[in-house]
Amino acid sequence: MAADDMAASAAETPVSPAARRIARTILNGFESYFAEFQNITLGARHRFETARWQAVQEANIERLDLYKQKVIRVARLAGEVSSKELSDLELWGEARTAYAQLVNNHANYEIAETFFNSIFCTVHAHEHIHDRHIFVMPSRPLDSKPLPEYSIYVRYENSAGLEVMLGRILDDFEFALPWEDRERDIGSIVRALERGLLPRFGGAGTAMRVDVLESVFYRNKAAYIVGRAMVGGQFIPFILPCLNNEAGGVYIDTVLFGADDASIVFSFTRTYFMVDAPVPSRYVRFLLSLMPQKGTAELYNSLGFNKHGKTEFYRDIIRHMKQSEDLYVIAPGIKGMVMTVFTLPSFGVVFKIIKDRFDPPKQVTEEIVREKYRLVSRSDRAGRMADTQEYSNFIFYRNRFSEELIAELQRVAPSKLWMDEKWIIIRHLYVERRMEPLNLYLGSAGPEAVRDAMDEYGNAIKQMAAANIFPGDMLLKNFGVTRHGRVVFYDYDEICPLTECSFRVIPEPRHEEDLMSGQPWYTVADNDVFPEEFRLFFSGNPLARAGFEAQHADLYDYRYWRTLQQRIRDGFVSDTFPYRRSKRFDPARGQS
C-alpha cells in the first residue's frame, strides 16, 4: 500500500480527542529531543577546534542520556493530557493512528516513530508489543519518497588535476584553525591515491570525481571529511581524517579509500559520531552506497541514533526469520559463568542473557552486571569493545529454537524465559555482533596469524586502558576476532575504571613455606591487580604467550599501569586511530 493510501486509510479510522492529544504531545517531545540532540552535536566543531577533549567525552554522555530523559518526561506528560487511563491499549491504537497522520510528511518520521514506541514501552513496561499499538514495522518504507542526494554533498572533479581538486576540498572544509601545511597534505594524499587507488583503474590521470558530504563527522579527537570517489564506474569510500596539532593548526592524518577501511571507521566498536545531519536518513542512504554490508541499523547507530538502530535491528531480524529456516543454537565456545549466549548461524549476532545464578567463583549480582554494560554504553569504546544493545521482552518463534537451547535456558535463566506452544519471550537480553572467540581462533591459526592476533590482543588491552577501562578478566575466551582481523573485548561483567584499580608487584616470599603454600602469603584487596599474573592467561598456549611477550611484555609491569593511571587523572586523552598506524602519513607523529 502506498504511503498516501495508508495515510488516507488511517484518516478514516476513528480517533478520540484524548488519543490526538497524546499523539501531539509525543511529537512535540520528539521535536524537543531532536533539537537538543542537534544542538549538542553542533558543538562538536568548536570542541575539536579548541582541543577540549574532556568536553568531547562529556558531550557524548550528555547526548546519550538525553533520549531517556526526554522519554520519561514525555511519558508523564502523556498521562497529564489524556482524559483516559494510559493502560488502555485501545487508546494507544488510536494514538498510533493519529501519530502516523502527524508524521506522514515529516522528514524524520522513522526516528519519530521510534520515539513513539519508546513512550509506549515506558508506560507499559515493554509489554503488549504489537503493531496495533506501536510501529513494530515502519508506517512506510524508508525510501518511499526519494530525496535529492545532492542536497547533502558537494561534488568535485579532477578535470584540472588531483592537486586542484583536493585543494578545493580542503579550502571548502577548512576549520577556524589554519591547515598546518596545506600543500604538504595535498601532496601526501595525491601520492597515496596514485600508489594505492588509481593503478586499479588505469593509473595517474584517470578521470575521477568525489562527492563529499557537506557535514564533517566528529568523534573523539578527530574530524572526518567523508565522501565517495567515482572512478572506473565504481563508488569507493573516500575519507580524510583530520587532527588538531594542539598548537594552532589542523592536518590530514591519512586518506582512506577502501571498503574495509571505511567499515572500521564506522565500526560497532567505537563511540557514535557527531555530525550535523538534519535528515539522518539521507546520510544513512549515502553511507549504505559505500558500505552495504553495514546495514541500516548499524549506520543509524554510527550517527548517534542508537535507539532507532535498535528498532531497525528488530525489523531486520523479523525479516530474516521469514527468509531463513535454521535454528537458534547455543553459541560455540567456552560457556560463561555469568552469561548464557545463543545465536542464529545465518545471522551475524549473538544474544546474551544473564543467568539466574552465577557459577563460582563469580560473586557479582545481576544489577552489578547490568551496571557494567551501562558503563560500556557510556564509555569511549576505543575501537576495542563491542557495542551492545539492550532489549526487554524480545519475542521469538518457539519452533526456531533448538531443543538443546530451550533446555539450556530453562536450566540457567528460567526467570528470563516465558514460552507457550508458539512463542518464546526473553524478558531481558543483550545483542552483540558475533565474532570468533580468540581462543578458538588461535587453535587453528598459523604462527604468523597467532603473532598478529597477540599483537592485536595487547593493543586492545592498552587502548581500553587508555580509555580508562580495565577489562578485569583478560582470558582469551573473552575477546573476539572480527572479519577485519581486529581483536575486540566483549565480556563486561568484571570491567571497572582503570583509575579504581591498585596495581601491585607480588611481594617476595618470606620463607620457603610461602612458596609451597597454596594460598598467597600477602594480603589481597578486591581492587588489587598483579600484572605479573597475566602470564597465566596463556597457560597451555606457549606460541600465543611468546607472541604476546615479544610485543607487549610491558603489560606485565605494574609501573606501566600506574603511569597510565596518572596520565588519565591528569586529564590526558589518548589518541586511538580507526586504521593501522602504518596508514598514517607520519606513523610516529603525536606519539607520547
Protein backbone atom coordinates (compact mmCIF):
# COMPACT_ATOMS: atom_id res chain seq x y z
CA MET A 1 0.00 0.00 0.00
CA ALA A 2 1.41 3.43 -0.91
CA ALA A 3 2.17 5.94 1.84
CA ASP A 4 -0.62 8.30 0.73
CA ASP A 5 -3.07 5.37 0.66
CA MET A 6 -2.03 4.35 4.18
CA ALA A 7 -2.48 7.92 5.37
CA ALA A 8 -5.95 8.05 3.80
CA SER A 9 -6.85 4.74 5.43
CA ALA A 10 -5.60 5.97 8.80
CA ALA A 11 -7.62 9.15 8.41
CA GLU A 12 -10.80 7.06 8.17
CA THR A 13 -10.07 5.30 11.49
CA PRO A 14 -11.97 6.88 14.42
CA VAL A 15 -9.58 8.61 16.79
CA SER A 16 -10.60 10.09 20.14
CA PRO A 17 -9.57 13.58 21.24
CA ALA A 18 -7.53 12.00 24.05
CA ALA A 19 -5.57 9.93 21.53
CA ARG A 20 -4.89 13.00 19.40
CA ARG A 21 -3.60 14.91 22.44
CA ILE A 22 -1.29 12.03 23.30
CA ALA A 23 -0.01 11.90 19.72
CA ARG A 24 0.67 15.64 19.60
CA THR A 25 2.37 15.55 22.99
CA ILE A 26 4.67 12.74 21.87
CA LEU A 27 5.52 14.51 18.60
CA ASN A 28 6.24 17.73 20.48
CA GLY A 29 8.50 15.73 22.77
CA PHE A 30 10.31 14.22 19.80
CA GLU A 31 10.86 17.64 18.23
CA SER A 32 12.30 18.88 21.53
CA TYR A 33 14.59 15.85 21.80
CA PHE A 34 15.81 16.18 18.22
CA ALA A 35 16.52 19.91 18.60
CA GLU A 36 18.59 19.34 21.74
CA PHE A 37 20.36 16.40 20.10
CA GLN A 38 21.30 18.68 17.21
CA ASN A 39 22.48 21.46 19.50
CA ILE A 40 24.84 19.13 21.36
CA THR A 41 26.05 17.79 18.03
CA LEU A 42 26.65 21.26 16.56
CA GLY A 43 29.09 22.00 19.38
CA ALA A 44 31.42 19.25 18.10
CA ARG A 45 33.23 21.55 15.66
CA HIS A 46 34.16 24.05 18.37
CA ARG A 47 35.25 21.30 20.75
CA PHE A 48 37.53 19.91 18.02
CA GLU A 49 38.98 23.29 17.10
CA THR A 50 39.70 24.17 20.73
CA ALA A 51 41.03 20.69 21.60
CA ARG A 52 38.61 20.35 24.53
CA TRP A 53 38.86 16.57 24.66
CA GLN A 54 37.31 16.15 28.09
CA ALA A 55 34.34 18.19 26.87
CA VAL A 56 34.06 15.81 23.90
CA GLN A 57 33.59 12.88 26.27
CA GLU A 58 31.11 14.82 28.41
CA ALA A 59 29.07 15.78 25.35
CA ASN A 60 28.90 12.14 24.25
CA ILE A 61 27.43 11.13 27.59
CA GLU A 62 25.07 14.11 27.65
CA ARG A 63 23.71 13.20 24.22
CA LEU A 64 23.29 9.53 25.15
CA ASP A 65 21.42 10.42 28.35
CA LEU A 66 19.19 12.93 26.59
CA TYR A 67 16.91 10.32 24.99
CA LYS A 68 15.93 8.60 28.23
CA GLN A 69 15.40 11.91 29.99
CA LYS A 70 13.03 13.09 27.27
CA VAL A 71 11.15 9.80 27.12
CA ILE A 72 10.50 9.78 30.88
CA ARG A 73 9.25 13.37 30.80
CA VAL A 74 7.03 12.91 27.74
CA ALA A 75 5.53 9.69 29.16
CA ARG A 76 4.50 11.67 32.24
CA LEU A 77 3.06 14.49 30.10
CA ALA A 78 1.08 11.97 28.02
CA GLY A 79 -0.71 10.90 31.16
CA GLU A 80 -1.47 14.51 32.06
CA VAL A 81 -3.03 15.43 28.70
CA SER A 82 -5.13 12.28 28.39
CA SER A 83 -8.60 12.03 29.86
CA LYS A 84 -8.29 8.22 29.78
CA GLU A 85 -6.05 5.76 31.54
CA LEU A 86 -2.80 5.16 29.68
CA SER A 87 -3.16 1.44 30.40
CA ASP A 88 -5.98 1.35 27.82
CA LEU A 89 -4.49 -0.44 24.80
CA GLU A 90 -7.35 0.66 22.53
CA LEU A 91 -6.40 4.24 23.31
CA TRP A 92 -2.85 3.55 22.13
CA GLY A 93 -4.11 2.02 18.92
CA GLU A 94 -5.92 5.28 18.25
CA ALA A 95 -2.87 7.31 19.29
CA ARG A 96 -0.75 5.30 16.86
CA THR A 97 -3.19 6.14 14.06
CA ALA A 98 -3.17 9.84 14.96
CA TYR A 99 0.61 9.88 15.20
CA ALA A 100 1.01 8.22 11.79
CA GLN A 101 -1.07 11.05 10.34
CA LEU A 102 1.02 13.70 12.08
CA VAL A 103 4.37 12.34 10.88
CA ASN A 104 3.21 11.31 7.39
CA ASN A 105 5.19 14.13 5.76
CA HIS A 106 7.82 14.50 8.49
CA ALA A 107 11.41 14.43 7.20
CA ASN A 108 12.45 12.23 10.14
CA TYR A 109 9.28 10.21 10.53
CA GLU A 110 11.16 6.94 11.08
CA ILE A 111 13.01 8.23 14.17
CA ALA A 112 9.83 9.95 15.36
CA GLU A 113 8.02 6.60 15.20
CA THR A 114 10.75 5.01 17.33
CA PHE A 115 10.25 7.80 19.87
CA PHE A 116 6.54 6.92 19.98
CA ASN A 117 7.48 3.29 20.58
CA SER A 118 9.74 4.32 23.47
CA ILE A 119 6.92 6.24 25.16
CA PHE A 120 4.59 3.24 24.84
CA CYS A 121 7.21 0.84 26.18
CA THR A 122 7.92 3.11 29.13
CA VAL A 123 4.24 3.33 30.01
CA HIS A 124 3.64 -0.41 29.56
CA ALA A 125 6.94 -1.75 30.91
CA HIS A 126 7.86 -3.20 27.50
CA GLU A 127 4.76 -5.40 27.38
CA HIS A 128 1.95 -5.66 24.79
CA ILE A 129 4.40 -5.16 21.92
CA HIS A 130 2.27 -5.37 18.77
CA ASP A 131 1.97 -3.40 15.55
CA ARG A 132 -1.57 -2.44 16.60
CA HIS A 133 -0.14 -0.29 19.39
CA ILE A 134 3.28 0.81 18.15
CA PHE A 135 5.35 0.90 14.99
CA VAL A 136 6.87 -2.56 15.09
CA MET A 137 7.20 -2.10 11.34
CA PRO A 138 7.52 1.39 9.80
CA SER A 139 4.45 3.18 8.54
CA ARG A 140 6.12 3.30 5.12
CA PRO A 141 9.42 2.20 3.54
CA LEU A 142 12.34 4.50 4.22
CA ASP A 143 12.91 5.12 0.53
CA SER A 144 9.25 5.57 -0.42
CA LYS A 145 9.85 9.28 -1.04
CA PRO A 146 13.33 9.60 -2.58
CA LEU A 147 15.04 12.89 -1.84
CA PRO A 148 17.67 14.59 -4.00
CA GLU A 149 21.03 13.42 -2.65
CA TYR A 150 22.88 16.45 -3.98
CA SER A 151 21.37 18.40 -1.10
CA ILE A 152 23.79 16.70 1.31
CA TYR A 153 27.02 16.53 -0.65
CA VAL A 154 29.36 18.69 -2.74
CA ARG A 155 30.76 17.30 -5.99
CA TYR A 156 34.38 17.74 -7.12
CA GLU A 157 36.06 16.56 -10.32
CA ASN A 158 39.74 16.16 -11.19
CA SER A 159 39.47 17.66 -14.68
CA ALA A 160 42.14 20.22 -13.71
CA GLY A 161 44.23 17.65 -11.84
CA LEU A 162 44.17 15.91 -8.48
CA GLU A 163 46.03 18.73 -6.74
CA VAL A 164 43.47 21.33 -7.78
CA MET A 165 40.51 19.11 -6.82
CA LEU A 166 41.98 18.28 -3.40
CA GLY A 167 42.86 21.92 -2.81
CA ARG A 168 39.23 22.87 -3.38
CA ILE A 169 38.08 20.21 -0.92
CA LEU A 170 40.47 21.41 1.78
CA ASP A 171 39.53 25.05 1.17
CA ASP A 172 35.79 24.29 1.35
CA PHE A 173 36.14 22.26 4.55
CA GLU A 174 38.62 24.47 6.37
CA PHE A 175 38.29 24.95 10.12
CA ALA A 176 38.67 28.03 12.30
CA LEU A 177 42.30 26.91 12.64
CA PRO A 178 44.53 27.05 9.55
CA TRP A 179 45.85 23.98 7.82
CA GLU A 180 49.25 23.21 9.32
CA ASP A 181 50.74 22.62 5.86
CA ARG A 182 48.11 22.53 3.13
CA GLU A 183 50.46 21.78 0.24
CA ARG A 184 52.23 19.01 2.14
CA ASP A 185 48.93 17.31 2.91
CA ILE A 186 47.70 17.61 -0.67
CA GLY A 187 50.93 16.03 -1.88
CA SER A 188 50.58 13.18 0.62
CA ILE A 189 47.01 12.48 -0.49
CA VAL A 190 47.98 12.55 -4.18
CA ARG A 191 50.83 10.11 -3.64
CA ALA A 192 48.59 7.77 -1.66
CA LEU A 193 45.91 7.81 -4.38
CA GLU A 194 48.42 7.33 -7.20
CA ARG A 195 50.07 4.48 -5.32
CA GLY A 196 47.06 2.65 -3.90
CA LEU A 197 43.86 3.53 -5.78
CA LEU A 198 44.35 4.85 -9.30
CA PRO A 199 46.54 1.94 -10.56
CA ARG A 200 43.46 -0.27 -10.32
CA PHE A 201 41.72 1.92 -12.92
CA GLY A 202 44.42 2.99 -15.35
CA GLY A 203 46.88 4.96 -13.24
CA ALA A 204 47.55 8.69 -12.86
CA GLY A 205 45.31 10.87 -14.99
CA THR A 206 42.29 8.58 -14.60
CA ALA A 207 39.03 10.53 -14.58
CA MET A 208 37.72 10.80 -11.03
CA ARG A 209 35.07 12.66 -9.15
CA VAL A 210 34.50 12.89 -5.41
CA ASP A 211 31.16 13.51 -3.68
CA VAL A 212 31.84 14.85 -0.18
CA LEU A 213 29.15 15.02 2.48
CA GLU A 214 28.64 18.64 3.46
CA SER A 215 28.86 17.93 7.21
CA VAL A 216 32.07 16.83 8.91
CA PHE A 217 31.96 13.73 11.15
CA TYR A 218 33.44 14.30 14.63
CA ARG A 219 34.46 11.59 17.08
CA ASN A 220 36.92 11.60 19.97
CA LYS A 221 39.94 13.70 18.89
CA ALA A 222 39.37 13.57 15.13
CA ALA A 223 37.24 15.15 12.42
CA TYR A 224 36.47 13.10 9.31
CA ILE A 225 35.70 14.51 5.88
CA VAL A 226 33.58 11.70 4.42
CA GLY A 227 32.69 11.11 0.81
CA ARG A 228 32.86 8.71 -2.10
CA ALA A 229 35.05 8.63 -5.16
CA MET A 230 33.61 7.65 -8.51
CA VAL A 231 36.42 6.08 -10.53
CA GLY A 232 36.24 3.39 -13.17
CA GLY A 233 32.46 3.31 -12.86
CA GLN A 234 32.63 2.33 -9.18
CA PHE A 235 31.77 4.09 -5.93
CA ILE A 236 34.67 3.88 -3.48
CA PRO A 237 34.81 5.33 0.06
CA PHE A 238 36.90 8.47 0.37
CA ILE A 239 37.70 9.61 3.92
CA LEU A 240 40.13 12.28 5.15
CA PRO A 241 40.79 12.06 8.93
CA CYS A 242 41.79 15.48 10.29
CA LEU A 243 43.65 16.01 13.57
CA ASN A 244 44.29 19.07 15.70
CA ASN A 245 48.01 19.51 16.42
CA GLU A 246 47.04 21.46 19.58
CA ALA A 247 49.47 24.18 18.51
CA GLY A 248 47.11 26.19 16.33
CA GLY A 249 46.79 24.03 13.23
CA VAL A 250 44.95 21.11 11.63
CA TYR A 251 46.49 18.43 9.44
CA ILE A 252 45.34 15.48 7.33
CA ASP A 253 46.49 12.29 9.03
CA THR A 254 45.83 9.94 6.10
CA VAL A 255 43.43 9.19 3.26
CA LEU A 256 41.24 6.08 3.36
CA PHE A 257 39.69 4.71 0.19
CA GLY A 258 38.98 1.05 0.87
CA ALA A 259 35.68 -0.54 1.84
CA ASP A 260 37.34 -2.35 4.75
CA ASP A 261 38.95 0.86 6.00
CA ALA A 262 35.63 2.70 5.85
CA SER A 263 33.91 -0.15 7.66
CA ILE A 264 36.42 0.07 10.51
CA VAL A 265 35.98 3.85 10.76
CA PHE A 266 32.24 3.26 11.16
CA SER A 267 32.84 0.25 13.41
CA PHE A 268 30.48 -1.04 16.11
CA THR A 269 33.47 -0.86 18.49
CA ARG A 270 33.63 2.93 18.66
CA THR A 271 31.58 5.74 20.10
CA TYR A 272 28.99 7.38 17.89
CA PHE A 273 29.84 10.22 15.54
CA MET A 274 28.64 13.75 15.98
CA VAL A 275 27.58 15.01 12.56
CA ASP A 276 25.15 17.76 11.64
CA ALA A 277 22.59 15.64 9.80
CA PRO A 278 19.18 17.38 9.90
CA VAL A 279 17.71 14.44 7.95
CA PRO A 280 19.73 11.40 9.13
CA SER A 281 18.09 9.02 6.65
CA ARG A 282 19.78 10.83 3.75
CA TYR A 283 23.18 10.28 5.34
CA VAL A 284 22.34 6.64 6.04
CA ARG A 285 21.42 6.08 2.39
CA PHE A 286 24.63 7.76 1.22
CA LEU A 287 26.75 5.62 3.54
CA LEU A 288 24.88 2.47 2.51
CA SER A 289 26.04 3.11 -1.05
CA LEU A 290 29.60 2.64 0.25
CA MET A 291 29.09 0.04 2.97
CA PRO A 292 26.01 -2.04 2.17
CA GLN A 293 27.24 -4.80 4.49
CA LYS A 294 26.79 -2.44 7.44
CA GLY A 295 23.03 -2.36 7.20
CA THR A 296 20.65 0.42 8.18
CA ALA A 297 20.66 -0.37 11.91
CA GLU A 298 24.42 -0.06 12.34
CA LEU A 299 24.61 3.19 10.40
CA TYR A 300 21.87 4.83 12.47
CA ASN A 301 23.91 3.75 15.50
CA SER A 302 27.01 5.38 13.99
CA LEU A 303 25.15 8.70 13.67
CA GLY A 304 24.15 8.57 17.34
CA PHE A 305 20.56 7.38 16.87
CA ASN A 306 21.14 4.13 18.73
CA LYS A 307 17.53 3.80 19.86
CA HIS A 308 16.35 3.86 16.27
CA GLY A 309 19.21 1.49 15.48
CA LYS A 310 17.58 -0.94 17.92
CA THR A 311 14.28 -0.56 16.07
CA GLU A 312 15.92 -1.22 12.72
CA PHE A 313 17.74 -4.27 14.08
CA TYR A 314 14.49 -5.74 15.39
CA ARG A 315 12.93 -5.26 11.97
CA ASP A 316 15.98 -6.86 10.35
CA ILE A 317 15.68 -9.98 12.48
CA ILE A 318 11.93 -10.23 11.73
CA ARG A 319 12.63 -10.04 8.00
CA HIS A 320 15.48 -12.51 8.26
CA MET A 321 13.33 -15.02 10.13
CA LYS A 322 10.89 -15.02 7.22
CA GLN A 323 13.71 -15.75 4.76
CA SER A 324 15.62 -18.40 6.72
CA GLU A 325 14.99 -21.82 8.23
CA ASP A 326 17.93 -22.51 10.57
CA LEU A 327 17.51 -22.77 14.34
CA TYR A 328 18.80 -20.66 17.20
CA VAL A 329 21.51 -22.64 18.96
CA ILE A 330 23.93 -22.31 21.87
CA ALA A 331 26.85 -20.16 20.70
CA PRO A 332 30.13 -22.02 20.15
CA GLY A 333 32.97 -21.54 22.64
CA ILE A 334 33.54 -21.97 26.36
CA LYS A 335 30.35 -21.31 28.30
CA GLY A 336 30.46 -18.25 30.52
CA MET A 337 29.88 -18.23 34.25
CA VAL A 338 27.63 -15.15 34.16
CA MET A 339 26.01 -15.15 30.71
CA THR A 340 24.45 -17.78 28.52
CA VAL A 341 24.86 -16.98 24.84
CA PHE A 342 22.96 -18.17 21.78
CA THR A 343 22.97 -17.31 18.10
CA LEU A 344 21.28 -17.89 14.77
CA PRO A 345 24.01 -19.28 12.47
CA SER A 346 22.69 -17.41 9.42
CA PHE A 347 22.58 -14.04 11.22
CA GLY A 348 25.73 -12.35 12.47
CA VAL A 349 24.87 -11.52 16.08
CA VAL A 350 24.77 -13.21 19.47
CA PHE A 351 22.09 -12.92 22.15
CA LYS A 352 23.35 -12.77 25.73
CA ILE A 353 21.22 -13.49 28.80
CA ILE A 354 22.30 -13.00 32.41
CA LYS A 355 22.00 -16.30 34.28
CA ASP A 356 19.80 -16.56 37.34
CA ARG A 357 22.73 -17.97 39.35
CA PHE A 358 26.41 -17.46 38.65
CA ASP A 359 28.93 -20.24 38.64
CA PRO A 360 31.69 -19.93 41.25
CA PRO A 361 33.99 -18.12 41.80
CA LYS A 362 31.86 -15.26 40.38
CA GLN A 363 30.41 -13.13 43.18
CA VAL A 364 28.73 -10.31 41.25
CA THR A 365 24.99 -9.68 41.19
CA GLU A 366 22.71 -9.22 38.20
CA GLU A 367 22.41 -5.50 38.91
CA ILE A 368 26.20 -5.17 39.01
CA VAL A 369 26.43 -6.92 35.64
CA ARG A 370 23.81 -4.59 34.16
CA GLU A 371 25.72 -1.62 35.52
CA LYS A 372 28.90 -2.85 33.84
CA TYR A 373 27.10 -2.96 30.49
CA ARG A 374 25.74 0.54 31.10
CA LEU A 375 29.28 1.71 31.79
CA VAL A 376 30.45 0.41 28.42
CA SER A 377 27.50 2.00 26.61
CA ARG A 378 28.51 5.40 28.02
CA SER A 379 32.26 5.00 27.54
CA ASP A 380 34.70 5.61 24.73
CA ARG A 381 34.94 2.06 23.41
CA ALA A 382 38.27 2.95 21.75
CA GLY A 383 37.65 0.57 18.87
CA ARG A 384 38.11 -2.39 21.21
CA MET A 385 34.74 -3.03 22.87
CA ALA A 386 31.65 -4.25 21.10
CA ASP A 387 28.57 -2.05 21.05
CA THR A 388 25.77 -3.81 22.91
CA GLN A 389 22.05 -3.20 22.52
CA GLU A 390 19.75 -3.98 25.45
CA TYR A 391 16.23 -5.33 24.92
CA SER A 392 13.28 -6.22 27.14
CA ASN A 393 10.67 -8.82 26.20
CA PHE A 394 12.28 -9.86 22.93
CA ILE A 395 9.84 -12.11 21.05
CA PHE A 396 10.90 -15.23 19.12
CA TYR A 397 9.09 -18.11 17.41
CA ARG A 398 9.49 -21.22 19.57
CA ASN A 399 9.82 -23.55 16.58
CA ARG A 400 13.05 -21.75 15.61
CA PHE A 401 14.78 -22.71 18.88
CA SER A 402 16.73 -25.94 19.13
CA GLU A 403 15.61 -28.23 21.92
CA GLU A 404 19.12 -28.09 23.36
CA LEU A 405 18.91 -24.30 23.60
CA ILE A 406 15.47 -24.37 25.22
CA ALA A 407 16.74 -26.85 27.80
CA GLU A 408 19.77 -24.65 28.48
CA LEU A 409 17.62 -21.54 29.01
CA GLN A 410 15.25 -23.41 31.29
CA ARG A 411 18.21 -24.62 33.31
CA VAL A 412 20.27 -21.42 33.72
CA ALA A 413 17.83 -18.50 33.22
CA PRO A 414 14.24 -19.62 33.87
CA SER A 415 13.28 -16.22 35.35
CA LYS A 416 14.09 -14.56 31.99
CA LEU A 417 12.05 -17.05 29.98
CA TRP A 418 8.37 -17.14 29.06
CA MET A 419 7.04 -19.50 26.43
CA ASP A 420 4.00 -21.27 25.12
CA GLU A 421 3.49 -23.53 22.12
CA LYS A 422 4.10 -20.70 19.63
CA TRP A 423 6.25 -18.03 21.28
CA ILE A 424 9.35 -17.59 23.38
CA ILE A 425 9.82 -14.25 25.11
CA ILE A 426 13.17 -13.37 26.66
CA ARG A 427 12.48 -10.80 29.35
CA HIS A 428 15.94 -9.25 29.22
CA LEU A 429 18.87 -9.74 26.85
CA TYR A 430 21.77 -8.06 25.11
CA VAL A 431 22.61 -8.24 21.42
CA GLU A 432 26.19 -8.01 20.14
CA ARG A 433 27.96 -8.55 16.86
CA ARG A 434 29.10 -12.17 16.55
CA MET A 435 32.85 -12.72 16.46
CA GLU A 436 35.06 -15.78 16.58
CA PRO A 437 36.32 -16.22 20.16
CA LEU A 438 40.05 -15.52 20.29
CA ASN A 439 40.86 -18.85 21.96
CA LEU A 440 39.12 -20.74 19.13
CA TYR A 441 40.78 -18.58 16.50
CA LEU A 442 44.23 -19.32 17.92
CA GLY A 443 43.51 -23.04 17.91
CA SER A 444 43.53 -23.14 14.11
CA ALA A 445 45.81 -20.18 13.27
CA GLY A 446 49.32 -20.49 11.88
CA PRO A 447 52.38 -18.96 13.61
CA GLU A 448 52.20 -15.62 11.78
CA ALA A 449 48.46 -15.28 12.39
CA VAL A 450 49.00 -16.09 16.08
CA ARG A 451 51.65 -13.37 16.34
CA ASP A 452 49.36 -10.83 14.66
CA ALA A 453 46.44 -11.81 16.91
CA MET A 454 48.59 -11.44 20.03
CA ASP A 455 49.69 -8.01 18.87
CA GLU A 456 46.02 -7.11 18.41
CA TYR A 457 45.16 -8.60 21.81
CA GLY A 458 47.83 -6.47 23.50
CA ASN A 459 46.75 -3.38 21.59
CA ALA A 460 43.15 -3.99 22.64
CA ILE A 461 44.13 -4.11 26.32
CA LYS A 462 46.27 -0.98 26.01
CA GLN A 463 43.67 1.02 24.11
CA MET A 464 40.89 0.10 26.53
CA ALA A 465 43.17 1.04 29.42
CA ALA A 466 43.95 4.39 27.80
CA ALA A 467 40.19 4.98 27.69
CA ASN A 468 40.10 4.28 31.48
CA ILE A 469 38.63 0.79 31.15
CA PHE A 470 40.28 -2.21 32.79
CA PRO A 471 38.81 -5.48 31.44
CA GLY A 472 39.31 -7.40 34.67
CA ASP A 473 39.10 -10.90 33.25
CA MET A 474 41.53 -10.93 30.32
CA LEU A 475 41.09 -14.59 29.39
CA LEU A 476 41.38 -15.18 25.66
CA LYS A 477 37.82 -16.51 25.50
CA ASN A 478 36.52 -13.06 26.43
CA PHE A 479 37.94 -11.50 23.26
CA GLY A 480 36.75 -11.99 19.69
CA VAL A 481 38.26 -11.59 16.25
CA THR A 482 36.35 -9.50 13.69
CA ARG A 483 36.23 -10.17 9.96
CA HIS A 484 38.93 -7.48 9.62
CA GLY A 485 41.25 -9.36 11.97
CA ARG A 486 40.83 -6.88 14.83
CA VAL A 487 40.65 -8.22 18.38
CA VAL A 488 37.69 -6.91 20.38
CA PHE A 489 36.63 -7.39 24.00
CA TYR A 490 33.05 -8.45 24.63
CA ASP A 491 32.67 -9.81 28.20
CA TYR A 492 31.94 -6.93 30.54
CA ASP A 493 30.94 -8.44 33.88
CA GLU A 494 34.31 -7.63 35.53
CA ILE A 495 35.28 -4.33 33.92
CA CYS A 496 35.96 -1.25 36.02
CA PRO A 497 37.54 2.17 35.57
CA LEU A 498 41.30 1.77 35.36
CA THR A 499 41.78 4.53 37.92
CA GLU A 500 39.95 2.44 40.55
CA CYS A 501 42.49 -0.41 40.35
CA SER A 502 45.51 -0.81 42.63
CA PHE A 503 48.37 -2.24 40.58
CA ARG A 504 50.93 -4.02 42.72
CA VAL A 505 54.02 -6.16 42.44
CA ILE A 506 53.88 -9.56 44.12
CA PRO A 507 55.95 -9.35 47.33
CA GLU A 508 58.95 -11.59 47.71
CA PRO A 509 58.19 -14.78 49.73
CA ARG A 510 59.25 -14.55 53.35
CA HIS A 511 60.46 -18.13 53.53
CA GLU A 512 60.27 -21.45 51.66
CA GLU A 513 56.94 -22.36 53.22
CA ASP A 514 55.36 -19.39 51.46
CA LEU A 515 56.34 -20.86 48.09
CA MET A 516 54.87 -24.23 48.98
CA SER A 517 51.57 -22.80 50.21
CA GLY A 518 48.51 -22.94 48.03
CA GLN A 519 47.43 -19.55 49.40
CA PRO A 520 49.05 -16.15 48.83
CA TRP A 521 51.44 -15.04 51.57
CA TYR A 522 50.35 -11.44 51.15
CA THR A 523 47.09 -9.55 51.58
CA VAL A 524 44.90 -9.02 48.51
CA ALA A 525 42.16 -6.38 48.39
CA ASP A 526 39.23 -6.50 45.98
CA ASN A 527 40.74 -3.85 43.70
CA ASP A 528 44.29 -5.24 43.74
CA VAL A 529 45.77 -6.28 40.40
CA PHE A 530 49.10 -8.10 39.98
CA PRO A 531 50.19 -7.69 36.32
CA GLU A 532 52.81 -10.44 36.71
CA GLU A 533 49.94 -12.91 36.84
CA PHE A 534 48.79 -12.02 33.33
CA ARG A 535 51.09 -14.79 32.09
CA LEU A 536 48.50 -17.25 33.39
CA PHE A 537 46.12 -16.21 30.62
CA PHE A 538 48.32 -18.10 28.14
CA SER A 539 48.59 -21.36 30.03
CA GLY A 540 48.53 -24.19 27.52
CA ASN A 541 49.40 -21.98 24.53
CA PRO A 542 53.16 -21.28 24.52
CA LEU A 543 53.06 -19.90 20.95
CA ALA A 544 50.48 -17.27 21.93
CA ARG A 545 52.47 -16.40 25.05
CA ALA A 546 55.69 -15.98 23.08
CA GLY A 547 53.92 -13.76 20.52
CA PHE A 548 52.40 -11.62 23.26
CA GLU A 549 55.61 -11.21 25.25
CA ALA A 550 57.61 -10.28 22.15
CA GLN A 551 55.32 -7.28 21.62
CA HIS A 552 53.59 -6.40 24.88
CA ALA A 553 55.75 -7.56 27.79
CA ASP A 554 55.36 -4.07 29.30
CA LEU A 555 51.86 -5.10 30.38
CA TYR A 556 53.45 -7.38 32.99
CA ASP A 557 54.99 -4.35 34.73
CA TYR A 558 52.87 -2.66 37.39
CA ARG A 559 54.69 0.62 36.66
CA TYR A 560 53.21 0.72 33.14
CA TRP A 561 49.72 0.70 34.63
CA ARG A 562 50.45 3.23 37.36
CA THR A 563 51.94 5.65 34.84
CA LEU A 564 48.85 5.34 32.66
CA GLN A 565 46.57 5.90 35.65
CA GLN A 566 48.38 9.13 36.47
CA ARG A 567 48.07 10.38 32.90
CA ILE A 568 44.33 9.75 32.98
CA ARG A 569 43.99 11.53 36.33
CA ASP A 570 45.91 14.46 34.84
CA GLY A 571 43.26 14.75 32.13
CA PHE A 572 45.21 13.25 29.23
CA VAL A 573 43.01 11.81 26.47
CA SER A 574 44.76 9.22 24.33
CA ASP A 575 44.73 9.06 20.54
CA THR A 576 43.05 5.98 19.12
CA PHE A 577 43.05 5.56 15.36
CA PRO A 578 40.41 3.56 13.44
CA TYR A 579 43.09 2.48 10.98
CA ARG A 580 46.52 0.93 11.12
CA ARG A 581 49.31 3.27 12.15
CA SER A 582 51.14 2.24 9.01
CA LYS A 583 48.46 4.07 7.00
CA ARG A 584 49.28 7.40 8.65
CA PHE A 585 51.28 9.85 6.55
CA ASP A 586 53.62 10.15 9.56
CA PRO A 587 53.18 6.96 11.67
CA ALA A 588 55.30 8.26 14.55
CA ARG A 589 53.61 11.63 14.79
CA GLY A 590 51.90 12.60 18.01
CA GLN A 591 53.05 9.54 19.94
CA SER A 592 53.94 10.13 23.56
